[in-house]
């Protein structure tokens, strides 16, 4: 592995639930280069989702790959004379692997946050908790957010910008509205 401290290693789990051989993603910083601020949630999300999906890691943040139990129940035969069985537990290797994966994603998410939104990760313990915190705060579907976005759309003017820039700004607002749960129709 490289000794360059700016590189990250993230591993991907296989779907069988058993520990897998880690896949090195030492160039993750090339794919997740945009720091999240209060103004660029849509851009940040647009880079994060395909990256996590491509690495087989999206399930950790969207809840499709929940944490497995830390221990597995097992039974062992007891004394033949009494016919009793003894219950015991054994450590679940999938649990340790899941925690390692989740903490790598957690670290990746935190490193993609600008100082102004770092508070969204404080007190969180898993990548899913950070993801939900960020989404709730910055991708909110509240009525006030929707009204604000609609007002931005209505006050949008081309001014000195090129038609492509103007349409790009309009498209971002339309996408923000859709993300906030208020998609615009063609009539609007």
Protein backbone atom coordinates (compact mmCIF):
# COMPACT_ATOMS: atom_id res chain seq x y z
CA UNK A 1 0.00 0.00 0.00
CA UNK A 2 1.17 3.53 -0.68
CA UNK A 3 2.58 5.61 2.14
CA UNK A 4 1.02 8.78 0.82
CA UNK A 5 -1.11 10.10 3.70
CA UNK A 6 -3.63 11.79 1.42
CA UNK A 7 -4.83 8.46 0.08
CA UNK A 8 -7.69 6.52 1.63
CA UNK A 9 -8.38 2.83 1.70
CA UNK A 10 -12.02 1.79 1.66
CA UNK A 11 -13.10 -1.81 1.29
CA UNK A 12 -16.18 -3.36 -0.26
CA UNK A 13 -18.18 -6.23 1.24
CA UNK A 14 -19.37 -9.16 -0.77
CA UNK A 15 -23.04 -10.00 -0.65
CA UNK A 16 -22.64 -13.34 1.14
CA UNK A 17 -22.15 -11.52 4.44
CA UNK A 18 -18.84 -13.25 5.11
CA UNK A 19 -15.66 -11.25 5.42
CA UNK A 20 -14.20 -10.42 2.05
CA UNK A 21 -10.78 -9.61 0.79
CA UNK A 22 -10.60 -5.81 0.92
CA UNK A 23 -10.56 -3.93 -2.34
CA UNK A 24 -8.18 -1.01 -2.14
CA UNK A 25 -9.59 2.35 -3.14
CA UNK A 26 -6.48 4.39 -2.61
CA UNK A 27 -7.63 6.99 -5.13
CA UNK A 28 -10.97 7.73 -3.42
CA UNK A 29 -9.97 11.37 -3.00
CA UNK A 30 -10.01 11.74 -6.81
CA UNK A 31 -13.66 10.68 -6.96
CA UNK A 32 -14.86 12.53 -3.86
CA UNK A 33 -13.17 15.87 -4.23
CA UNK A 34 -15.98 18.31 -3.41
CA UNK A 35 -16.36 19.35 0.22
CA UNK A 36 -19.95 19.68 1.41
CA UNK A 37 -21.05 23.19 2.40
CA UNK A 38 -24.47 24.63 3.18
CA UNK A 39 -24.76 25.68 -0.47
CA UNK A 40 -23.73 22.61 -2.48
CA UNK A 41 -25.61 19.61 -1.09
CA UNK A 42 -26.92 18.55 -4.50
CA UNK A 43 -23.43 18.59 -6.06
CA UNK A 44 -21.95 16.73 -3.07
CA UNK A 45 -24.71 14.11 -3.16
CA UNK A 46 -24.30 13.79 -6.93
CA UNK A 47 -20.65 12.77 -6.47
CA UNK A 48 -21.15 10.61 -3.36
CA UNK A 49 -23.98 8.31 -4.46
CA UNK A 50 -22.39 6.95 -7.65
CA UNK A 51 -19.05 6.56 -5.88
CA UNK A 52 -20.55 4.60 -2.99
CA UNK A 53 -22.75 2.56 -5.34
CA UNK A 54 -19.79 1.68 -7.59
CA UNK A 55 -17.82 0.42 -4.59
CA UNK A 56 -20.75 -1.63 -3.25
CA UNK A 57 -20.93 0.62 -0.19
CA UNK A 58 -24.18 2.57 -0.67
CA UNK A 59 -26.10 0.03 1.44
CA UNK A 60 -24.20 1.16 4.52
CA UNK A 61 -25.56 4.71 4.30
CA UNK A 62 -29.02 3.97 2.89
CA UNK A 63 -29.78 1.20 5.40
CA UNK A 64 -29.87 -1.74 2.97
CA UNK A 65 -26.83 -3.31 4.69
CA UNK A 66 -27.66 -3.07 8.41
CA UNK A 67 -25.15 -3.99 11.05
CA UNK A 68 -25.16 -7.76 11.70
CA UNK A 69 -25.31 -9.03 15.29
CA UNK A 70 -22.03 -8.94 17.20
CA UNK A 71 -22.40 -12.55 18.30
CA UNK A 72 -23.99 -15.66 16.84
CA UNK A 73 -25.90 -18.16 18.98
CA UNK A 74 -24.52 -21.66 19.00
CA UNK A 75 -25.45 -24.78 20.86
CA UNK A 76 -23.12 -27.44 22.10
CA UNK A 77 -24.07 -30.91 23.21
CA UNK A 78 -24.16 -31.33 26.93
CA UNK A 79 -23.87 -34.30 29.22
CA UNK A 80 -25.30 -37.44 27.60
CA UNK A 81 -26.67 -38.63 30.92
CA UNK A 82 -28.75 -35.49 31.50
CA UNK A 83 -29.58 -34.87 27.82
CA UNK A 84 -29.18 -31.12 28.35
CA UNK A 85 -27.63 -28.81 25.79
CA UNK A 86 -25.59 -25.78 26.64
CA UNK A 87 -26.18 -22.53 24.76
CA UNK A 88 -23.22 -20.34 23.99
CA UNK A 89 -22.39 -17.48 21.68
CA UNK A 90 -19.53 -17.00 19.27
CA UNK A 91 -18.21 -13.75 17.82
CA UNK A 92 -19.69 -12.95 14.42
CA UNK A 93 -16.88 -12.27 11.92
CA UNK A 94 -19.34 -10.41 9.70
CA UNK A 95 -19.91 -7.91 12.51
CA UNK A 96 -16.24 -6.95 12.78
CA UNK A 97 -15.97 -6.65 8.99
CA UNK A 98 -19.16 -4.52 8.83
CA UNK A 99 -17.86 -2.17 11.54
CA UNK A 100 -14.54 -1.80 9.71
CA UNK A 101 -16.32 -1.03 6.44
CA UNK A 102 -18.72 1.39 8.08
CA UNK A 103 -15.96 3.28 9.85
CA UNK A 104 -14.03 3.63 6.57
CA UNK A 105 -17.16 5.13 4.95
CA UNK A 106 -17.74 7.25 8.07
CA UNK A 107 -14.21 8.62 7.73
CA UNK A 108 -14.72 9.29 4.02
CA UNK A 109 -17.95 11.18 4.72
CA UNK A 110 -16.39 13.27 7.47
CA UNK A 111 -13.41 14.13 5.30
CA UNK A 112 -15.82 15.38 2.64
CA UNK A 113 -17.45 17.91 5.01
CA UNK A 114 -16.38 21.54 5.12
CA UNK A 115 -15.85 23.08 8.55
CA UNK A 116 -19.18 24.93 8.38
CA UNK A 117 -21.19 21.67 8.27
CA UNK A 118 -18.92 19.47 10.42
CA UNK A 119 -21.39 19.90 13.28
CA UNK A 120 -23.70 17.52 11.40
CA UNK A 121 -21.29 14.65 12.15
CA UNK A 122 -20.63 15.46 15.80
CA UNK A 123 -21.99 12.77 18.08
CA UNK A 124 -22.71 10.39 15.20
CA UNK A 125 -21.23 6.89 15.35
CA UNK A 126 -22.01 5.32 11.97
CA UNK A 127 -21.89 6.38 8.35
CA UNK A 128 -25.68 6.04 8.16
CA UNK A 129 -26.13 8.43 11.08
CA UNK A 130 -23.94 11.03 9.35
CA UNK A 131 -25.75 10.50 6.04
CA UNK A 132 -29.18 10.93 7.65
CA UNK A 133 -28.02 14.01 9.58
CA UNK A 134 -26.64 15.68 6.45
CA UNK A 135 -29.69 14.77 4.35
CA UNK A 136 -32.14 15.98 7.00
CA UNK A 137 -30.33 19.28 7.46
CA UNK A 138 -29.40 20.14 3.89
CA UNK A 139 -31.78 18.11 1.73
CA UNK A 140 -34.79 18.96 3.84
CA UNK A 141 -38.27 18.61 2.44
CA UNK A 142 -39.73 21.31 4.66
CA UNK A 143 -42.30 23.69 3.29
CA UNK A 144 -40.06 26.69 4.03
CA UNK A 145 -37.20 25.21 1.99
CA UNK A 146 -39.55 24.50 -0.93
CA UNK A 147 -40.98 28.02 -0.79
CA UNK A 148 -37.48 29.49 -0.72
CA UNK A 149 -36.45 27.43 -3.76
CA UNK A 150 -39.61 28.42 -5.66
CA UNK A 151 -38.89 32.08 -4.88
CA UNK A 152 -35.32 31.63 -6.17
CA UNK A 153 -36.68 30.08 -9.35
CA UNK A 154 -39.21 32.87 -9.86
CA UNK A 155 -36.60 35.58 -9.35
CA UNK A 156 -34.04 33.93 -11.63
CA UNK A 157 -32.88 36.29 -14.39
CA UNK A 158 -30.41 35.72 -17.19
CA UNK A 159 -28.68 39.08 -16.81
CA UNK A 160 -25.13 38.99 -18.20
CA UNK A 161 -24.85 35.20 -18.04
CA UNK A 162 -24.84 33.00 -21.11
CA UNK A 163 -27.98 31.00 -21.95
CA UNK A 164 -26.17 27.82 -20.87
CA UNK A 165 -25.26 29.32 -17.47
CA UNK A 166 -28.80 30.64 -17.00
CA UNK A 167 -30.37 27.28 -17.84
CA UNK A 168 -27.83 25.53 -15.63
CA UNK A 169 -28.83 27.66 -12.63
CA UNK A 170 -32.51 27.00 -13.38
CA UNK A 171 -31.85 23.25 -13.63
CA UNK A 172 -30.10 23.24 -10.24
CA UNK A 173 -33.09 24.88 -8.60
CA UNK A 174 -35.47 22.42 -10.29
CA UNK A 175 -33.30 19.50 -9.05
CA UNK A 176 -33.15 20.98 -5.54
CA UNK A 177 -36.95 21.21 -5.56
CA UNK A 178 -37.25 17.58 -6.65
CA UNK A 179 -34.80 16.56 -3.93
CA UNK A 180 -36.86 18.51 -1.39
CA UNK A 181 -39.96 16.55 -2.40
CA UNK A 182 -41.54 19.22 -4.62
CA UNK A 183 -40.80 18.35 -8.26
CA UNK A 184 -41.85 20.95 -10.81
CA UNK A 185 -44.07 20.01 -13.69
CA UNK A 186 -43.57 21.25 -17.25
CA UNK A 187 -46.61 23.49 -16.82
CA UNK A 188 -45.00 25.26 -13.88
